[in-house]
């Protein structure tokens, strides 16, 4: 199970490798992981990763995923969540950052959405 609100000790300076997987429609499992990773990182660390997603054209790529009929529903939902979170962050960064800080992840993922 992959929990969205899982803390990570990873420091991405670029999403280029992940974006390549996001556009990999032939391997839905890899695409699923890549979109999940973006969702996880923007949910847990919006101040760092929402601007990076936008800077690296990630929102454009994610909108293409949402509009494409090939990905299954969970991929569409995760992509939409990243788009919406980055939109909210751009409008009200303090609010989104405060919401991320309030969450204290449970080691077993209780109360989180598993995908």
C-alpha atoms as a PDB file:
ATOM      1  CA  UNK A   1       0.000   0.000   0.000  1.00  0.00           C
ATOM      2  CA  UNK A   2       1.141   3.461  -0.855  1.00  0.00           C
ATOM      3  CA  UNK A   3      -0.009   6.124   1.570  1.00  0.00           C
ATOM      4  CA  UNK A   4      -0.184   9.699   0.320  1.00  0.00           C
ATOM      5  CA  UNK A   5       0.773  11.216   3.662  1.00  0.00           C
ATOM      6  CA  UNK A   6       4.031   9.394   4.163  1.00  0.00           C
ATOM      7  CA  UNK A   7       7.096  11.416   5.130  1.00  0.00           C
ATOM      8  CA  UNK A   8      10.134  10.919   2.918  1.00  0.00           C
ATOM      9  CA  UNK A   9      13.837  11.533   3.359  1.00  0.00           C
ATOM     10  CA  UNK A  10      14.276  12.290  -0.319  1.00  0.00           C
ATOM     11  CA  UNK A  11      15.420  15.566  -1.822  1.00  0.00           C
ATOM     12  CA  UNK A  12      14.400  16.034  -5.447  1.00  0.00           C
ATOM     13  CA  UNK A  13      15.986  18.936  -7.296  1.00  0.00           C
ATOM     14  CA  UNK A  14      14.269  17.928 -10.519  1.00  0.00           C
ATOM     15  CA  UNK A  15      11.217  15.887 -11.413  1.00  0.00           C
ATOM     16  CA  UNK A  16      12.529  15.058 -14.886  1.00  0.00           C
ATOM     17  CA  UNK A  17      12.881  11.290 -14.222  1.00  0.00           C
ATOM     18  CA  UNK A  18       9.451  11.142 -12.596  1.00  0.00           C
ATOM     19  CA  UNK A  19       7.865  13.138 -15.432  1.00  0.00           C
ATOM     20  CA  UNK A  20       9.181  10.605 -17.930  1.00  0.00           C
ATOM     21  CA  UNK A  21       7.261   7.925 -16.043  1.00  0.00           C
ATOM     22  CA  UNK A  22       4.145  10.095 -15.793  1.00  0.00           C
ATOM     23  CA  UNK A  23       3.970  10.098 -19.587  1.00  0.00           C
ATOM     24  CA  UNK A  24       4.571   6.342 -19.838  1.00  0.00           C
ATOM     25  CA  UNK A  25       1.083   5.227 -20.867  1.00  0.00           C
ATOM     26  CA  UNK A  26       2.323   1.779 -21.906  1.00  0.00           C
ATOM     27  CA  UNK A  27       3.280   0.825 -18.337  1.00  0.00           C
ATOM     28  CA  UNK A  28       0.426   1.922 -16.080  1.00  0.00           C
ATOM     29  CA  UNK A  29       2.127   0.638 -12.929  1.00  0.00           C
ATOM     30  CA  UNK A  30       5.112   2.943 -13.481  1.00  0.00           C
ATOM     31  CA  UNK A  31       2.791   5.807 -14.354  1.00  0.00           C
ATOM     32  CA  UNK A  32       0.780   5.131 -11.192  1.00  0.00           C
ATOM     33  CA  UNK A  33       3.900   5.239  -9.014  1.00  0.00           C
ATOM     34  CA  UNK A  34       5.124   8.460 -10.652  1.00  0.00           C
ATOM     35  CA  UNK A  35       1.819  10.288 -10.202  1.00  0.00           C
ATOM     36  CA  UNK A  36       1.576   8.940  -6.646  1.00  0.00           C
ATOM     37  CA  UNK A  37       5.101  10.235  -5.916  1.00  0.00           C
ATOM     38  CA  UNK A  38       4.159  13.721  -7.136  1.00  0.00           C
ATOM     39  CA  UNK A  39       0.985  13.614  -5.066  1.00  0.00           C
ATOM     40  CA  UNK A  40       2.891  12.492  -1.985  1.00  0.00           C
ATOM     41  CA  UNK A  41       5.602  15.120  -2.321  1.00  0.00           C
ATOM     42  CA  UNK A  42       3.253  18.022  -3.039  1.00  0.00           C
ATOM     43  CA  UNK A  43       0.949  16.974  -0.193  1.00  0.00           C
ATOM     44  CA  UNK A  44       3.692  16.631   2.395  1.00  0.00           C
ATOM     45  CA  UNK A  45       6.060  19.383   1.212  1.00  0.00           C
ATOM     46  CA  UNK A  46       3.986  21.864  -0.825  1.00  0.00           C
ATOM     47  CA  UNK A  47       6.341  24.834  -0.399  1.00  0.00           C
ATOM     48  CA  UNK A  48       9.184  22.921  -2.000  1.00  0.00           C
ATOM     49  CA  UNK A  49       7.460  20.770  -4.577  1.00  0.00           C
ATOM     50  CA  UNK A  50       4.409  22.670  -5.875  1.00  0.00           C
ATOM     51  CA  UNK A  51       6.662  25.348  -7.421  1.00  0.00           C
ATOM     52  CA  UNK A  52       8.936  22.636  -8.839  1.00  0.00           C
ATOM     53  CA  UNK A  53       6.004  20.836 -10.470  1.00  0.00           C
ATOM     54  CA  UNK A  54       4.921  24.076 -12.098  1.00  0.00           C
ATOM     55  CA  UNK A  55       8.447  25.097 -13.110  1.00  0.00           C
ATOM     56  CA  UNK A  56       9.076  21.772 -14.841  1.00  0.00           C
ATOM     57  CA  UNK A  57       5.795  21.845 -16.790  1.00  0.00           C
ATOM     58  CA  UNK A  58       4.376  19.126 -14.575  1.00  0.00           C
ATOM     59  CA  UNK A  59       0.923  20.685 -14.456  1.00  0.00           C
ATOM     60  CA  UNK A  60       0.710  20.583 -18.250  1.00  0.00           C
ATOM     61  CA  UNK A  61       1.758  16.932 -18.274  1.00  0.00           C
ATOM     62  CA  UNK A  62      -0.682  16.041 -15.481  1.00  0.00           C
ATOM     63  CA  UNK A  63      -3.555  17.767 -17.298  1.00  0.00           C
ATOM     64  CA  UNK A  64      -2.737  15.633 -20.342  1.00  0.00           C
ATOM     65  CA  UNK A  65      -2.898  12.520 -18.139  1.00  0.00           C
ATOM     66  CA  UNK A  66      -6.274  13.572 -16.727  1.00  0.00           C
ATOM     67  CA  UNK A  67      -7.663  14.158 -20.225  1.00  0.00           C
ATOM     68  CA  UNK A  68      -6.326  10.891 -21.637  1.00  0.00           C
ATOM     69  CA  UNK A  69      -8.599   7.832 -21.517  1.00  0.00           C
ATOM     70  CA  UNK A  70      -5.785   5.279 -21.087  1.00  0.00           C
ATOM     71  CA  UNK A  71      -4.845   5.740 -17.404  1.00  0.00           C
ATOM     72  CA  UNK A  72      -7.084   4.013 -14.912  1.00  0.00           C
ATOM     73  CA  UNK A  73      -9.192   5.949 -12.419  1.00  0.00           C
ATOM     74  CA  UNK A  74      -6.701   6.052  -9.541  1.00  0.00           C
ATOM     75  CA  UNK A  75      -4.078   7.662 -11.786  1.00  0.00           C
ATOM     76  CA  UNK A  76      -6.617  10.256 -12.905  1.00  0.00           C
ATOM     77  CA  UNK A  77      -7.591  10.994  -9.292  1.00  0.00           C
ATOM     78  CA  UNK A  78      -3.985  11.384  -8.131  1.00  0.00           C
ATOM     79  CA  UNK A  79      -3.096  13.621 -11.077  1.00  0.00           C
ATOM     80  CA  UNK A  80      -6.146  15.791 -10.402  1.00  0.00           C
ATOM     81  CA  UNK A  81      -5.202  16.034  -6.725  1.00  0.00           C
ATOM     82  CA  UNK A  82      -1.706  17.328  -7.593  1.00  0.00           C
ATOM     83  CA  UNK A  83      -3.152  19.878 -10.013  1.00  0.00           C
ATOM     84  CA  UNK A  84      -5.671  21.085  -7.447  1.00  0.00           C
ATOM     85  CA  UNK A  85      -3.129  21.233  -4.622  1.00  0.00           C
ATOM     86  CA  UNK A  86      -0.689  23.260  -6.723  1.00  0.00           C
ATOM     87  CA  UNK A  87      -3.508  25.617  -7.742  1.00  0.00           C
ATOM     88  CA  UNK A  88      -4.463  26.125  -4.101  1.00  0.00           C
ATOM     89  CA  UNK A  89      -0.806  26.592  -3.140  1.00  0.00           C
ATOM     90  CA  UNK A  90      -0.381  29.304  -5.764  1.00  0.00           C
ATOM     91  CA  UNK A  91      -3.478  31.129  -4.462  1.00  0.00           C
ATOM     92  CA  UNK A  92      -2.778  30.709  -0.751  1.00  0.00           C
ATOM     93  CA  UNK A  93       0.645  29.213   0.028  1.00  0.00           C
ATOM     94  CA  UNK A  94       0.417  29.847   3.766  1.00  0.00           C
ATOM     95  CA  UNK A  95      -2.881  27.990   4.053  1.00  0.00           C
ATOM     96  CA  UNK A  96      -1.655  24.942   2.146  1.00  0.00           C
ATOM     97  CA  UNK A  97       1.652  24.876   4.012  1.00  0.00           C
ATOM     98  CA  UNK A  98      -0.134  25.127   7.363  1.00  0.00           C
ATOM     99  CA  UNK A  99      -2.406  22.221   6.430  1.00  0.00           C
ATOM    100  CA  UNK A 100       0.656  20.109   5.559  1.00  0.00           C
ATOM    101  CA  UNK A 101       2.287  20.925   8.909  1.00  0.00           C
ATOM    102  CA  UNK A 102      -0.803  19.925  10.892  1.00  0.00           C
ATOM    103  CA  UNK A 103      -0.724  16.392   9.618  1.00  0.00           C
ATOM    104  CA  UNK A 104       1.213  13.988  11.820  1.00  0.00           C
ATOM    105  CA  UNK A 105       1.552  10.779   9.858  1.00  0.00           C
ATOM    106  CA  UNK A 106       0.836   7.524  11.561  1.00  0.00           C
ATOM    107  CA  UNK A 107       3.499   4.863  11.011  1.00  0.00           C
ATOM    108  CA  UNK A 108       0.837   2.414   9.857  1.00  0.00           C
ATOM    109  CA  UNK A 109      -0.870   4.965   7.596  1.00  0.00           C
ATOM    110  CA  UNK A 110      -4.091   4.893   9.644  1.00  0.00           C
ATOM    111  CA  UNK A 111      -6.497   7.550   8.483  1.00  0.00           C
ATOM    112  CA  UNK A 112      -4.738   8.014   5.158  1.00  0.00           C
ATOM    113  CA  UNK A 113      -5.781   7.069   1.667  1.00  0.00           C
ATOM    114  CA  UNK A 114      -3.938   4.066   0.294  1.00  0.00           C
ATOM    115  CA  UNK A 115      -3.581   3.766  -3.448  1.00  0.00           C
END
